[in-house]
Amino acid sequence: MFVTAFTAEKNLKNIKKLSPFRLAIIDLGTNSIRFDVYRINNKRVARLYRGKRMIRLGDGVFKTGALTPEAMARAMRAFQTIRRQLRELRVDQVVAFGTSALRSAKNSREFLDEVRRKTAISIRIISGQEEGRLIARGIMANITTPKGVYAMVDIGGGSTEISLASGKRLMSCQSFPLGANRLQQVYLKTMPPTHKRGEWNPILALRQHLKDTLHPVAQSCEKNAVKTLIGSSGTIRTIGRILKKLGRSNKPVYRADLSAIISEMQTMTRRQLLKLPGLELKRVDLILPGAILLEEIMLAFNIRTLYVTDIALRDGILQLELEKRSVL
């Protein structure tokens, strides 16, 4: 149902000197840094490289309000590697955006200044609204759109963007301070989640917070009769991958299967979670809050099925850059 429009040439050694213009796109998120390079030749666009590193930039930021020295060091090492790749790929221009963790951290400006000094890469922090619009732009440009009103959901590490559209027309976009990393830091601090006598169960507290925050989503669904839900981001793709490897749903993800795996995961230790097929080590503590968030979004929309797409923020940034250059 959902098809990416660009070809990938993953082996850097095989890239030939054919490009009149090469554009790099960097998405610095709460959990991961993603890096694409495209060759643009008139109206032809080819993706030359796509990479991702989970650097967990947002670890601790939603509790302390600041990026930690360890997280900044991990990010800096990743940027120094990217700087070398930019030279190898003979990139002409770099467009770099930062999202939720940088929006929340009081020391983000100092960190970005250091990145610019050491790597010559300038990163612009975008708002949640802009992030949501760019994600929606990328999805709508690269899929066969469903009939009627549909919703696009992107669960990040620090925020979740939900957009409504009809055909290729974006109707609305909302950004919520909900993300797998943020919710893990605030609510689900142990594996499995535990609480002392007299305290509220952390999973119940998390679910109540999500229901309260997502109330506008339920209202939008009732008003617009949303029939189809499209999910993007690493969290949603990981959930789909786990369910597929367990012999359950994948594309689409069925809410019943999601609810069943959540019921199992919420009693698992770290070691038990790591045995789930398709789960990355660096995402082990994020999978339960991310899955609960996805389930609550599906409940808010009263939708039983979610279609997974690989399209993400980088694809929306590419569409924006192509429009600036009148390539589209």
Protein backbone atom coordinates (compact mmCIF):
# COMPACT_ATOMS: atom_id res chain seq x y z
CA MET A 1 0.00 0.00 0.00
CA PHE A 2 2.79 2.41 0.89
CA VAL A 3 5.82 2.63 -1.39
CA THR A 4 8.97 4.74 -1.10
CA ALA A 5 9.68 6.74 -4.25
CA PHE A 6 13.48 6.79 -4.12
CA THR A 7 16.19 4.21 -4.85
CA ALA A 8 18.92 3.52 -2.31
CA GLU A 9 22.54 2.84 -3.23
CA LYS A 10 23.90 1.77 0.14
CA ASN A 11 27.49 0.95 -0.73
CA LEU A 12 29.43 4.22 -0.58
CA LYS A 13 32.35 2.80 -2.58
CA ASN A 14 30.14 2.26 -5.62
CA ILE A 15 28.90 5.86 -5.88
CA LYS A 16 30.10 7.34 -9.15
CA LYS A 17 30.95 10.93 -9.91
CA LEU A 18 27.72 11.66 -11.75
CA SER A 19 26.05 14.22 -9.55
CA PRO A 20 25.58 17.86 -10.47
CA PHE A 21 24.14 18.45 -7.00
CA ARG A 22 24.24 16.41 -3.79
CA LEU A 23 22.09 17.19 -0.78
CA ALA A 24 22.53 15.78 2.74
CA ILE A 25 19.63 15.73 5.21
CA ILE A 26 20.21 15.21 8.93
CA ASP A 27 17.45 14.57 11.47
CA LEU A 28 18.72 14.85 15.06
CA GLY A 29 15.99 13.31 17.20
CA THR A 30 15.58 12.39 20.84
CA ASN A 31 16.68 8.79 20.29
CA SER A 32 18.46 8.68 16.94
CA ILE A 33 20.40 10.69 14.44
CA ARG A 34 19.41 9.94 10.83
CA PHE A 35 21.46 10.91 7.81
CA ASP A 36 20.52 10.80 4.11
CA VAL A 37 22.34 11.88 0.96
CA TYR A 38 20.52 12.47 -2.34
CA ARG A 39 21.73 13.08 -5.87
CA ILE A 40 19.56 15.65 -7.66
CA ASN A 41 19.83 15.84 -11.44
CA ASN A 42 17.14 18.05 -12.95
CA LYS A 43 13.91 16.29 -11.93
CA ARG A 44 15.57 12.98 -11.10
CA VAL A 45 16.28 12.23 -7.45
CA ALA A 46 18.21 9.21 -6.19
CA ARG A 47 19.02 8.38 -2.61
CA LEU A 48 22.70 7.54 -2.39
CA TYR A 49 22.95 6.78 1.30
CA ARG A 50 20.73 6.30 4.34
CA GLY A 51 22.09 5.80 7.84
CA LYS A 52 20.92 5.84 11.45
CA ARG A 53 22.56 5.74 14.87
CA MET A 54 20.74 5.46 18.17
CA ILE A 55 22.61 7.98 20.31
CA ARG A 56 19.87 8.57 22.90
CA LEU A 57 20.45 12.33 22.99
CA GLY A 58 17.33 12.81 25.11
CA ASP A 59 18.33 10.49 27.95
CA GLY A 60 17.67 12.41 31.17
CA VAL A 61 16.56 15.61 29.48
CA PHE A 62 12.87 15.24 30.40
CA LYS A 63 13.75 14.87 34.09
CA THR A 64 16.56 17.43 34.40
CA GLY A 65 15.77 19.83 31.56
CA ALA A 66 19.31 19.54 30.17
CA LEU A 67 21.33 17.39 27.80
CA THR A 68 23.78 15.22 29.72
CA PRO A 69 27.54 15.28 29.00
CA GLU A 70 27.39 11.58 28.04
CA ALA A 71 24.56 12.11 25.54
CA MET A 72 26.29 15.13 24.00
CA ALA A 73 29.52 13.14 23.66
CA ARG A 74 27.69 10.32 21.85
CA ALA A 75 26.10 12.84 19.50
CA MET A 76 29.39 14.61 18.83
CA ARG A 77 31.08 11.33 17.87
CA ALA A 78 28.22 10.62 15.46
CA PHE A 79 28.54 14.08 13.89
CA GLN A 80 32.27 13.68 13.44
CA THR A 81 31.62 10.44 11.55
CA ILE A 82 28.98 12.19 9.45
CA ARG A 83 31.44 14.98 8.65
CA ARG A 84 33.82 12.41 7.17
CA GLN A 85 30.98 10.84 5.19
CA LEU A 86 29.99 14.24 3.81
CA ARG A 87 33.47 14.59 2.35
CA GLU A 88 33.48 11.03 0.97
CA LEU A 89 30.09 11.58 -0.66
CA ARG A 90 31.10 14.99 -2.03
CA VAL A 91 28.00 16.67 -0.60
CA ASP A 92 27.22 20.18 -1.85
CA GLN A 93 24.73 21.25 0.82
CA VAL A 94 23.66 20.04 4.28
CA VAL A 95 20.22 20.61 5.80
CA ALA A 96 20.01 19.60 9.48
CA PHE A 97 17.01 19.77 11.81
CA GLY A 98 16.67 19.05 15.54
CA THR A 99 13.48 18.04 17.32
CA SER A 100 11.99 17.34 20.76
CA ALA A 101 15.04 16.80 22.98
CA LEU A 102 16.64 20.00 21.67
CA ARG A 103 13.35 21.88 22.08
CA SER A 104 13.25 20.81 25.74
CA ALA A 105 16.90 21.17 26.79
CA LYS A 106 18.05 24.44 28.31
CA ASN A 107 21.61 23.84 27.10
CA SER A 108 20.76 22.88 23.51
CA ARG A 109 22.11 26.14 22.07
CA GLU A 110 25.54 25.59 23.64
CA PHE A 111 25.60 22.04 22.30
CA LEU A 112 24.63 23.08 18.77
CA ASP A 113 27.25 25.83 18.80
CA GLU A 114 29.89 23.22 19.65
CA VAL A 115 28.68 20.92 16.86
CA ARG A 116 28.97 23.81 14.40
CA ARG A 117 32.47 24.73 15.60
CA LYS A 118 33.81 21.18 15.39
CA THR A 119 32.01 19.89 12.28
CA ALA A 120 30.73 22.98 10.39
CA ILE A 121 27.22 21.45 10.53
CA SER A 122 24.50 23.93 11.50
CA ILE A 123 21.34 22.44 13.03
CA ARG A 124 18.03 24.27 13.17
CA ILE A 125 15.59 23.37 15.95
CA ILE A 126 12.06 23.07 14.56
CA SER A 127 8.77 23.31 16.42
CA GLY A 128 6.50 20.33 16.96
CA GLN A 129 4.02 21.79 14.50
CA GLU A 130 6.67 22.14 11.81
CA GLU A 131 7.93 18.65 12.51
CA GLY A 132 4.42 17.26 12.10
CA ARG A 133 3.83 19.13 8.84
CA LEU A 134 7.12 17.90 7.39
CA ILE A 135 6.38 14.28 8.35
CA ALA A 136 2.93 14.55 6.77
CA ARG A 137 4.40 16.16 3.66
CA GLY A 138 6.82 13.27 3.23
CA ILE A 139 4.15 10.61 3.74
CA MET A 140 1.60 12.21 1.42
CA ALA A 141 4.20 12.64 -1.33
CA ASN A 142 5.22 9.00 -1.26
CA ILE A 143 2.08 6.91 -0.75
CA THR A 144 -1.13 6.12 -2.53
CA THR A 145 -3.44 8.04 -0.23
CA PRO A 146 -6.40 6.19 1.33
CA LYS A 147 -10.00 7.14 0.60
CA GLY A 148 -11.67 9.60 2.94
CA VAL A 149 -10.05 11.31 5.92
CA TYR A 150 -6.99 9.55 7.30
CA ALA A 151 -4.56 10.20 10.15
CA MET A 152 -0.77 10.07 10.23
CA VAL A 153 0.98 9.30 13.53
CA ASP A 154 4.69 9.62 14.26
CA ILE A 155 5.88 8.52 17.71
CA GLY A 156 9.28 9.97 18.49
CA GLY A 157 11.45 9.85 21.57
CA GLY A 158 10.13 13.10 23.04
CA SER A 159 7.02 14.04 21.08
CA THR A 160 4.25 12.57 18.97
CA GLU A 161 2.87 14.28 15.88
CA ILE A 162 -0.65 13.50 14.65
CA SER A 163 -1.97 14.93 11.38
CA LEU A 164 -5.26 14.59 9.54
CA ALA A 165 -5.48 14.68 5.75
CA SER A 166 -7.80 14.04 2.85
CA GLY A 167 -6.11 12.98 -0.36
CA LYS A 168 -3.01 15.17 -0.66
CA ARG A 169 -4.55 17.97 1.43
CA LEU A 170 -3.28 18.40 4.98
CA MET A 171 -6.23 19.35 7.21
CA SER A 172 -4.62 19.69 10.64
CA CYS A 173 -1.46 18.90 12.55
CA GLN A 174 -0.92 18.58 16.30
CA SER A 175 2.22 17.90 18.30
CA PHE A 176 1.98 16.36 21.76
CA PRO A 177 4.68 16.19 24.46
CA LEU A 178 4.48 12.41 24.35
CA GLY A 179 7.33 10.15 23.26
CA ALA A 180 8.75 6.78 24.20
CA ASN A 181 11.86 8.21 25.88
CA ARG A 182 9.96 10.97 27.68
CA LEU A 183 7.34 8.53 29.03
CA GLN A 184 10.01 6.06 30.12
CA GLN A 185 11.82 8.73 32.11
CA VAL A 186 8.69 10.07 33.78
CA TYR A 187 6.54 6.95 34.27
CA LEU A 188 8.06 3.55 33.50
CA LYS A 189 11.42 3.77 35.21
CA THR A 190 12.05 0.05 35.80
CA MET A 191 11.61 -3.21 33.90
CA PRO A 192 9.05 -4.41 34.73
CA PRO A 193 7.41 -1.23 36.09
CA THR A 194 7.04 -1.36 39.88
CA HIS A 195 5.54 0.82 42.60
CA LYS A 196 5.49 1.04 46.36
CA ARG A 197 2.44 0.36 48.47
CA GLY A 198 0.15 3.37 48.47
CA GLU A 199 1.48 4.67 45.14
CA TRP A 200 -0.46 4.56 41.89
CA ASN A 201 0.53 1.80 39.49
CA PRO A 202 2.87 3.50 36.96
CA ILE A 203 1.18 1.87 33.97
CA LEU A 204 -2.24 3.07 35.12
CA ALA A 205 -0.79 6.55 35.76
CA LEU A 206 0.75 6.55 32.28
CA ARG A 207 -2.49 5.48 30.63
CA GLN A 208 -4.49 8.15 32.44
CA HIS A 209 -1.98 10.80 31.38
CA LEU A 210 -2.21 9.61 27.78
CA LYS A 211 -6.01 9.59 27.77
CA ASP A 212 -6.11 13.13 29.15
CA THR A 213 -3.51 14.43 26.70
CA LEU A 214 -5.01 12.65 23.69
CA HIS A 215 -8.57 13.83 24.34
CA PRO A 216 -8.39 16.32 21.41
CA VAL A 217 -7.52 13.38 19.13
CA ALA A 218 -10.70 11.55 20.07
CA GLN A 219 -12.71 14.71 19.38
CA SER A 220 -11.06 15.15 15.97
CA CYS A 221 -11.82 11.54 15.09
CA GLU A 222 -15.50 11.94 15.90
CA LYS A 223 -15.73 15.18 13.94
CA ASN A 224 -13.88 14.00 10.83
CA ALA A 225 -14.78 10.29 10.68
CA VAL A 226 -11.18 9.07 10.40
CA LYS A 227 -11.09 5.63 8.78
CA THR A 228 -7.38 4.93 8.24
CA LEU A 229 -4.36 5.31 10.50
CA ILE A 230 -0.81 5.43 9.12
CA GLY A 231 2.12 5.10 11.51
CA SER A 232 5.76 6.12 11.06
CA SER A 233 8.89 6.27 13.25
CA GLY A 234 11.30 3.77 14.74
CA THR A 235 8.98 2.89 17.61
CA ILE A 236 6.10 1.90 15.36
CA ARG A 237 8.33 0.04 12.90
CA THR A 238 9.92 -1.87 15.80
CA ILE A 239 6.52 -2.90 17.13
CA GLY A 240 5.54 -4.09 13.67
CA ARG A 241 8.80 -6.02 13.32
CA ILE A 242 8.35 -7.74 16.70
CA LEU A 243 4.78 -8.76 15.92
CA LYS A 244 5.81 -10.09 12.52
CA LYS A 245 8.64 -12.19 13.94
CA LEU A 246 6.27 -13.56 16.58
CA GLY A 247 3.95 -14.67 13.80
CA ARG A 248 1.36 -11.97 14.48
CA SER A 249 0.52 -8.81 12.55
CA ASN A 250 3.11 -6.55 10.90
CA LYS A 251 1.79 -4.35 8.08
CA PRO A 252 -0.84 -3.61 9.17
CA VAL A 253 -0.60 -3.74 12.98
CA TYR A 254 -3.80 -4.97 14.59
CA ARG A 255 -4.78 -3.42 17.90
CA ALA A 256 -5.68 -6.81 19.36
CA ASP A 257 -2.15 -8.10 18.71
CA LEU A 258 -0.66 -4.91 20.10
CA SER A 259 -2.72 -5.20 23.29
CA ALA A 260 -1.66 -8.83 23.71
CA ILE A 261 2.07 -8.10 23.40
CA ILE A 262 1.75 -5.15 25.82
CA SER A 263 0.14 -7.46 28.37
CA GLU A 264 3.15 -9.74 28.06
CA MET A 265 5.82 -7.03 28.03
CA GLN A 266 4.60 -5.20 31.13
CA THR A 267 5.66 -8.14 33.33
CA MET A 268 9.00 -8.79 31.60
CA THR A 269 12.48 -8.06 32.92
CA ARG A 270 15.16 -6.47 30.76
CA ARG A 271 16.60 -9.91 30.01
CA GLN A 272 13.21 -11.26 28.97
CA LEU A 273 12.49 -8.22 26.78
CA LEU A 274 15.82 -8.68 25.01
CA LYS A 275 14.64 -12.09 23.87
CA LEU A 276 11.84 -10.50 21.84
CA PRO A 277 12.76 -10.98 18.16
CA GLY A 278 13.42 -7.75 16.30
CA LEU A 279 14.01 -5.55 19.38
CA GLU A 280 17.20 -3.46 19.38
CA LEU A 281 19.28 -3.39 22.56
CA LYS A 282 19.17 0.42 22.70
CA ARG A 283 15.38 0.41 22.48
CA VAL A 284 14.68 -2.21 25.14
CA ASP A 285 13.57 0.26 27.83
CA LEU A 286 11.51 2.28 25.34
CA ILE A 287 9.40 -0.43 23.74
CA LEU A 288 6.76 -0.73 26.48
CA PRO A 289 5.97 3.00 26.85
CA GLY A 290 6.04 3.33 23.06
CA ALA A 291 3.66 0.41 22.61
CA ILE A 292 1.25 1.69 25.28
CA LEU A 293 1.28 5.12 23.64
CA LEU A 294 0.47 3.59 20.26
CA GLU A 295 -2.35 1.55 21.75
CA GLU A 296 -3.86 4.62 23.43
CA ILE A 297 -3.69 6.53 20.14
CA MET A 298 -5.52 3.72 18.37
CA LEU A 299 -8.11 3.67 21.14
CA ALA A 300 -8.54 7.45 20.88
CA PHE A 301 -9.21 7.06 17.15
CA ASN A 302 -11.35 3.98 17.79
CA ILE A 303 -9.40 2.24 15.03
CA ARG A 304 -8.40 -1.44 15.11
CA THR A 305 -5.79 -1.37 12.33
CA LEU A 306 -2.68 0.73 11.71
CA TYR A 307 -0.65 0.69 8.49
CA VAL A 308 3.12 1.07 8.92
CA THR A 309 5.23 3.20 6.58
CA ASP A 310 8.98 3.70 6.34
CA ILE A 311 8.48 7.33 5.30
CA ALA A 312 9.70 9.77 7.95
CA LEU A 313 10.75 13.33 8.73
CA ARG A 314 13.74 13.17 6.36
CA ASP A 315 11.43 12.48 3.43
CA GLY A 316 9.38 15.57 4.27
CA ILE A 317 12.53 17.68 4.50
CA LEU A 318 13.54 16.39 1.07
CA GLN A 319 10.17 17.40 -0.39
CA LEU A 320 10.60 20.89 1.07
CA GLU A 321 14.09 21.26 -0.41
CA LEU A 322 12.97 20.00 -3.81
CA GLU A 323 10.12 22.50 -3.86
CA LYS A 324 12.55 25.30 -3.01
CA ARG A 325 14.60 24.33 -6.03
CA SER A 326 11.52 23.95 -8.27
CA VAL A 327 12.47 20.34 -8.86
CA LEU A 328 8.94 19.05 -8.20
